[in-house]
Protein backbone atom coordinates (compact mmCIF):
# COMPACT_ATOMS: atom_id res chain seq x y z
CA UNK A 1 109.38 96.47 82.24
CA UNK A 2 110.06 97.38 85.85
CA UNK A 3 112.75 99.35 87.65
CA UNK A 4 114.30 99.21 91.10
CA UNK A 5 114.14 102.36 93.22
CA UNK A 6 116.31 102.68 96.33
CA UNK A 7 115.05 105.31 98.78
CA UNK A 8 117.73 107.17 100.73
CA UNK A 9 118.55 107.61 103.55
CA UNK A 10 116.31 104.73 104.73
CA UNK A 11 117.68 102.22 102.21
CA UNK A 12 114.19 100.91 101.43
CA UNK A 13 113.84 99.36 98.00
CA UNK A 14 110.72 99.35 95.81
CA UNK A 15 109.91 98.12 92.32
CA UNK A 16 108.13 100.48 89.95
CA UNK A 17 106.50 99.52 86.68
CA UNK A 18 107.42 101.62 83.65
CA UNK A 19 103.99 103.30 83.57
CA UNK A 20 103.74 103.79 87.37
CA UNK A 21 104.49 107.08 89.10
CA UNK A 22 107.10 106.86 91.86
CA UNK A 23 104.65 107.89 94.60
CA UNK A 24 102.24 105.09 93.72
CA UNK A 25 105.08 102.56 93.73
CA UNK A 26 106.20 103.73 97.18
CA UNK A 27 102.69 103.60 98.62
CA UNK A 28 102.10 100.19 97.03
CA UNK A 29 105.11 98.91 98.99
CA UNK A 30 103.77 100.43 102.23
CA UNK A 31 106.23 103.35 102.41
CA UNK A 32 105.10 106.77 103.68
CA UNK A 33 106.64 109.66 101.79
CA UNK A 34 105.20 113.19 101.94
CA UNK A 35 102.50 114.09 99.41
CA UNK A 36 99.49 116.33 99.09
CA UNK A 37 97.71 117.09 95.83
CA UNK A 38 98.91 114.16 93.67
CA UNK A 39 98.75 116.41 90.57
CA UNK A 40 102.18 118.02 90.64
CA UNK A 41 101.07 121.39 91.95
CA UNK A 42 101.90 121.46 95.68
CA UNK A 43 105.42 120.03 95.56
CA UNK A 44 105.10 118.17 98.87
CA UNK A 45 106.51 114.99 97.30
CA UNK A 46 109.71 116.52 95.91
CA UNK A 47 112.84 114.40 96.11
CA UNK A 48 116.35 114.43 94.66
CA UNK A 49 117.54 111.96 92.04
CA UNK A 50 120.97 110.68 93.08
CA UNK A 51 121.34 108.32 90.13
CA UNK A 52 119.02 107.31 87.32
CA UNK A 53 116.44 109.05 85.15
CA UNK A 54 112.73 109.85 85.21
CA UNK A 55 110.21 111.07 82.63
CA UNK A 56 107.06 113.18 82.84
CA UNK A 57 104.60 111.95 80.19
CA UNK A 58 102.35 114.98 80.77
CA UNK A 59 105.20 117.48 80.81
CA UNK A 60 107.23 119.00 83.65
CA UNK A 61 104.91 119.48 86.66
CA UNK A 62 104.08 122.99 87.84
CA UNK A 63 105.79 122.51 91.22
CA UNK A 64 109.15 121.82 89.53
CA UNK A 65 111.11 124.78 88.16
CA UNK A 66 113.61 124.35 85.31
CA UNK A 67 116.44 125.10 87.75
CA UNK A 68 115.22 122.43 90.20
CA UNK A 69 114.90 119.90 87.39
CA UNK A 70 118.43 120.73 86.22
CA UNK A 71 119.93 119.98 89.66
CA UNK A 72 118.11 116.64 89.97
CA UNK A 73 114.93 117.50 91.86
CA UNK A 74 111.81 115.51 90.97
CA UNK A 75 108.11 115.47 91.84
CA UNK A 76 107.25 111.91 92.81
CA UNK A 77 103.52 112.06 92.12
CA UNK A 78 104.22 112.76 88.42
CA UNK A 79 107.62 111.19 87.71
CA UNK A 80 107.95 107.75 86.17
CA UNK A 81 111.22 105.85 86.32
CA UNK A 82 112.91 105.06 83.02
CA UNK A 83 115.91 103.38 84.66
CA UNK A 84 116.86 102.05 88.06
CA UNK A 85 116.93 104.93 90.55
CA UNK A 86 118.50 106.05 93.78
CA UNK A 87 116.16 108.69 95.17
CA UNK A 88 116.77 110.89 98.21
CA UNK A 89 113.52 111.75 100.00
CA UNK A 90 112.32 111.92 103.58
CA UNK A 91 109.98 109.19 104.82
CA UNK A 92 107.22 110.08 107.29
CA UNK A 93 107.58 108.20 110.58
CA UNK A 94 105.49 110.13 113.13
CA UNK A 95 102.13 111.89 113.28
CA UNK A 96 103.85 115.24 113.89
CA UNK A 97 105.16 115.14 110.31
CA UNK A 98 101.73 114.70 108.70
CA UNK A 99 99.98 118.01 107.88
CA UNK A 100 96.49 118.55 109.32
CA UNK A 101 94.11 119.96 106.73
CA UNK A 102 90.48 120.98 106.32
CA UNK A 103 88.77 119.99 103.09
CA UNK A 104 85.42 119.01 101.58
CA UNK A 105 84.54 115.35 101.09
CA UNK A 106 81.73 113.81 99.07
CA UNK A 107 79.79 110.80 100.30
CA UNK A 108 80.20 108.23 97.52
CA UNK A 109 78.81 105.14 99.24
CA UNK A 110 76.84 104.11 102.33
CA UNK A 111 77.06 100.42 103.17
CA UNK A 112 75.21 98.91 106.11
CA UNK A 113 77.44 96.29 107.72
CA UNK A 114 75.10 95.21 110.48
CA UNK A 115 72.20 96.36 112.59
CA UNK A 116 74.16 99.27 114.02
CA UNK A 117 77.27 99.79 111.86
CA UNK A 118 77.46 101.83 108.66
CA UNK A 119 80.49 101.92 106.38
CA UNK A 120 80.91 105.37 104.89
CA UNK A 121 83.14 106.06 101.90
CA UNK A 122 84.23 109.68 101.39
CA UNK A 123 85.98 111.07 98.30
CA UNK A 124 88.13 114.18 98.40
CA UNK A 125 88.28 116.60 95.45
CA UNK A 126 90.17 115.25 92.44
CA UNK A 127 93.09 117.59 93.14
CA UNK A 128 93.40 116.55 96.80
CA UNK A 129 94.59 113.57 98.84
CA UNK A 130 94.91 113.23 102.61
CA UNK A 131 98.15 111.72 103.81
CA UNK A 132 97.77 109.79 107.05
CA UNK A 133 99.36 107.05 109.11
CA UNK A 134 97.55 103.73 109.56
CA UNK A 135 95.28 104.04 112.62
CA UNK A 136 94.75 107.81 112.70
CA UNK A 137 91.34 109.53 112.68
CA UNK A 138 89.52 112.50 111.15
CA UNK A 139 86.92 114.94 112.43
CA UNK A 140 83.69 115.59 110.57
CA UNK A 141 82.86 119.29 111.01
CA UNK A 142 79.16 119.86 111.62
CA UNK A 143 77.31 123.01 110.59
CA UNK A 144 76.78 124.15 114.21
CA UNK A 145 80.51 124.02 114.98
CA UNK A 146 80.50 120.62 116.69
CA UNK A 147 82.80 117.79 115.61
CA UNK A 148 82.47 114.05 115.35
CA UNK A 149 85.64 111.94 115.32
CA UNK A 150 85.98 108.66 113.41
CA UNK A 151 88.96 106.41 112.78
CA UNK A 152 90.18 105.92 109.23
CA UNK A 153 89.55 102.27 108.37
CA UNK A 154 91.59 102.04 105.17
CA UNK A 155 95.37 101.81 104.84
CA UNK A 156 97.50 104.72 103.54
CA UNK A 157 98.31 103.02 100.25
CA UNK A 158 94.58 102.69 99.50
CA UNK A 159 93.70 106.39 99.59
CA UNK A 160 91.17 106.74 96.77
CA UNK A 161 88.46 107.02 99.46
CA UNK A 162 88.40 107.66 103.20
CA UNK A 163 86.62 104.71 104.83
CA UNK A 164 84.80 105.18 108.16
CA UNK A 165 82.83 102.72 110.33
CA UNK A 166 80.04 104.57 112.13
CA UNK A 167 78.10 102.93 114.93
CA UNK A 168 74.49 103.93 115.58
CA UNK A 169 74.43 105.45 119.06
CA UNK A 170 71.14 105.71 120.93
CA UNK A 171 70.26 109.39 121.04
CA UNK A 172 73.24 110.26 118.84
CA UNK A 173 72.29 113.11 116.52
CA UNK A 174 74.96 112.56 113.88
CA UNK A 175 74.90 108.76 113.82
CA UNK A 176 71.09 108.83 113.55
CA UNK A 177 71.44 111.21 110.63
CA UNK A 178 73.92 108.88 108.92
CA UNK A 179 71.58 105.89 109.28
CA UNK A 180 68.30 107.61 108.49
CA UNK A 181 68.87 110.67 106.31
CA UNK A 182 72.33 110.86 104.75
CA UNK A 183 72.41 110.47 100.97
CA UNK A 184 75.15 109.65 98.52
CA UNK A 185 76.73 112.70 96.81
CA UNK A 186 76.26 114.75 99.98
CA UNK A 187 79.17 117.07 100.80
CA UNK A 188 80.77 117.05 104.26
CA UNK A 189 83.61 119.09 105.73
CA UNK A 190 86.43 117.12 107.34
CA UNK A 191 89.68 117.89 109.13
CA UNK A 192 92.62 115.64 109.84
CA UNK A 193 94.39 113.40 110.23
CA UNK A 194 94.75 113.38 114.01
CA UNK A 195 96.02 111.05 116.70
CA UNK A 196 99.01 109.20 118.02
CA UNK A 197 97.38 105.81 117.50
CA UNK A 198 99.31 104.48 114.52
CA UNK A 199 101.48 101.50 113.71
CA UNK A 200 105.08 101.81 114.94
CA UNK A 201 106.84 100.03 112.11
CA UNK A 202 110.34 100.38 113.52
CA UNK A 203 109.65 98.12 116.52
CA UNK A 204 110.87 94.50 116.25
CA UNK A 205 108.37 93.18 118.81
CA UNK A 206 105.31 91.03 118.00
CA UNK A 207 102.01 92.86 118.11
CA UNK A 208 98.79 92.30 120.04
CA UNK A 209 95.78 94.24 118.72
CA UNK A 210 92.62 94.42 120.84
CA UNK A 211 89.42 95.97 119.47
CA UNK A 212 85.99 96.45 120.95
CA UNK A 213 83.08 96.96 118.51
CA UNK A 214 83.95 99.55 115.85
CA UNK A 215 87.40 99.76 117.40
CA UNK A 216 87.98 97.31 114.57
CA UNK A 217 88.21 100.27 112.13
CA UNK A 218 91.71 101.59 112.95
CA UNK A 219 93.00 98.04 113.50
CA UNK A 220 91.80 97.18 109.99
CA UNK A 221 93.83 100.06 108.57
CA UNK A 222 96.88 99.00 110.55
CA UNK A 223 96.70 95.35 109.51
CA UNK A 224 96.16 96.18 105.84
CA UNK A 225 99.19 98.47 105.98
CA UNK A 226 101.15 95.76 107.79
CA UNK A 227 100.32 93.25 105.04
CA UNK A 228 101.07 95.75 102.25
CA UNK A 229 104.46 96.54 103.82
CA UNK A 230 105.28 92.81 104.06
CA UNK A 231 106.39 93.15 107.67
CA UNK A 232 107.58 89.90 109.24
CA UNK A 233 106.32 90.49 112.80
CA UNK A 234 103.61 88.29 114.31
CA UNK A 235 100.19 89.81 115.03
CA UNK A 236 97.54 88.53 117.47
CA UNK A 237 94.18 90.21 116.88
CA UNK A 238 91.45 89.96 119.52
CA UNK A 239 88.05 91.41 118.58
CA UNK A 240 85.51 91.68 121.38
CA UNK A 241 81.79 92.11 120.65
CA UNK A 242 78.52 91.05 122.27
CA UNK A 243 77.09 88.55 119.79
CA UNK A 244 78.24 86.82 116.63
CA UNK A 245 76.28 89.19 114.39
CA UNK A 246 78.35 92.09 115.78
CA UNK A 247 81.45 90.72 113.99
CA UNK A 248 80.37 92.84 111.06
CA UNK A 249 83.29 92.09 108.71
CA UNK A 250 84.27 88.73 110.13
CA UNK A 251 85.36 87.25 106.79
CA UNK A 252 88.13 89.83 106.51
CA UNK A 253 90.12 89.04 109.69
CA UNK A 254 89.34 85.37 109.11
CA UNK A 255 91.15 85.67 105.77
CA UNK A 256 94.05 87.46 107.46
CA UNK A 257 94.20 84.50 109.85
CA UNK A 258 95.27 82.26 106.97
CA UNK A 259 98.67 83.98 107.07
CA UNK A 260 101.34 82.21 109.13
CA UNK A 261 102.13 85.31 111.20
CA UNK A 262 98.54 86.40 111.91
CA UNK A 263 96.27 84.98 114.60
CA UNK A 264 92.61 86.03 114.84
CA UNK A 265 90.70 85.49 118.09
CA UNK A 266 87.09 86.78 118.13
CA UNK A 267 85.52 86.99 121.59
CA UNK A 268 81.81 87.17 122.47
CA UNK A 269 80.66 88.61 125.78
CA UNK A 270 76.96 87.71 125.36
CA UNK A 271 76.68 84.89 122.84
CA UNK A 272 73.16 83.90 121.85
CA UNK A 273 72.10 80.23 121.96
CA UNK A 274 71.28 80.35 118.27
CA UNK A 275 74.86 81.46 117.52
CA UNK A 276 76.08 77.97 118.49
CA UNK A 277 79.31 79.75 119.30
CA UNK A 278 82.37 77.55 119.78
CA UNK A 279 84.93 80.33 120.12
CA UNK A 280 86.15 82.35 123.10
CA UNK A 281 83.73 83.92 125.57
CA UNK A 282 83.92 86.71 128.12
CA UNK A 283 85.51 90.15 128.24
CA UNK A 284 88.09 90.54 125.52
CA UNK A 285 90.74 92.12 127.74
CA UNK A 286 90.52 89.19 130.15
CA UNK A 287 90.93 86.69 127.33
CA UNK A 288 94.15 88.46 126.32
CA UNK A 289 95.41 88.34 129.91
CA UNK A 290 94.53 84.65 130.12
CA UNK A 291 96.57 83.97 126.98
CA UNK A 292 99.67 86.02 127.88
CA UNK A 293 101.16 85.74 131.35
CA UNK A 294 104.03 88.04 130.39
CA UNK A 295 103.42 90.96 128.01
CA UNK A 296 106.79 92.63 128.40
CA UNK A 297 107.99 91.55 124.95
CA UNK A 298 104.97 92.80 122.98
CA UNK A 299 103.53 96.00 121.54
CA UNK A 300 99.85 96.33 122.49
CA UNK A 301 97.37 98.36 120.42
CA UNK A 302 93.88 98.80 121.90
CA UNK A 303 90.87 100.63 120.44
CA UNK A 304 87.24 100.76 121.48
CA UNK A 305 85.08 101.75 124.46
CA UNK A 306 86.87 103.62 127.28
CA UNK A 307 86.00 100.95 129.86
CA UNK A 308 87.63 98.25 127.74
CA UNK A 309 90.71 100.37 127.03
CA UNK A 310 91.15 101.17 130.73
CA UNK A 311 90.71 97.54 131.76
CA UNK A 312 93.22 96.45 129.14
CA UNK A 313 95.72 99.09 130.28
CA UNK A 314 95.50 98.08 133.94
CA UNK A 315 95.64 94.37 133.19
CA UNK A 316 98.54 94.74 130.78
CA UNK A 317 100.53 96.69 133.37
CA UNK A 318 100.06 93.89 135.88
CA UNK A 319 101.33 91.45 133.24
CA UNK A 320 104.58 93.35 132.73
CA UNK A 321 103.81 95.57 129.73
CA UNK A 322 105.92 98.78 129.82
CA UNK A 323 103.81 101.91 129.44
CA UNK A 324 105.63 103.01 126.29
CA UNK A 325 104.56 99.78 124.54
CA UNK A 326 100.83 100.46 125.07
CA UNK A 327 99.03 102.42 122.33
CA UNK A 328 95.33 103.17 122.51
CA UNK A 329 92.38 104.93 120.92
CA UNK A 330 89.51 105.40 123.36
CA UNK A 331 86.14 105.82 121.61
CA UNK A 332 84.48 108.48 123.77
CA UNK A 333 80.97 109.33 122.59
CA UNK A 334 80.59 113.07 121.95
CA UNK A 335 78.18 114.91 124.20
CA UNK A 336 75.33 116.81 122.65
């Protein structure tokens, strides 16, 4: 059995299964409502039941007092619908509304995606979750006080782990450690989420995403959130790398490209003869400019090396893109 939940004041509607907590149903539909611990202790996900009923199979959560329960308050990470609901709760729409937190994270998996890219999966303590917007980043806090910033590559609804794509940088102390010494079960300290690079869901305009190298990571999170939210806007995704082997998760955007409203354009700047490459060649920002004479009606998201981001910004301006429709994440390498 399933129930319909209408979220006020946004008017969004989600379907929750009888054994599914309200928070999980909301996240599954791509909605962002406040939450923190996911175990009913912090109370960040409190809402007010306007109509309908909920149950707590494990008993009334600690964050909900008897008085609050009596006046219709509920804790969404523990409540399960037992009828159709109208629920009043705020939805997160900007990075300023997402709390920044420090917490430990355990390395649960290291997966080499190519010669110089490692996928790192981090797990927070069982009593913790990090709320974030698709496209934001975290800092890894090193023992000597330095920080290393990495974009979150998973979407908010898929928050069991924090997924990072780490590129091996020549002379880079931390990236060399990740590739050569880091072990599973190791404990790191992280802080986040940070950044204004996140998907603006309220815009009606089609989207152009441009990534260079591991700039793919935040775009991946954005697109997966876009798909989960069933947004109807069209996306053009350009991914610029040197050679074909640098398209380290190429099957994933290729699968996205099977959707009617998604167009995937990989671009190689230095294709090898053995690649037998038949796709686009050159600098990725120039390929975008060649394809779009007028960018005024688009939202443009760009992530990757600073030189690529700057070139894309300047070129987009000359093609009519208003400054407020350009969003970027420039991957500056940290100094030692």
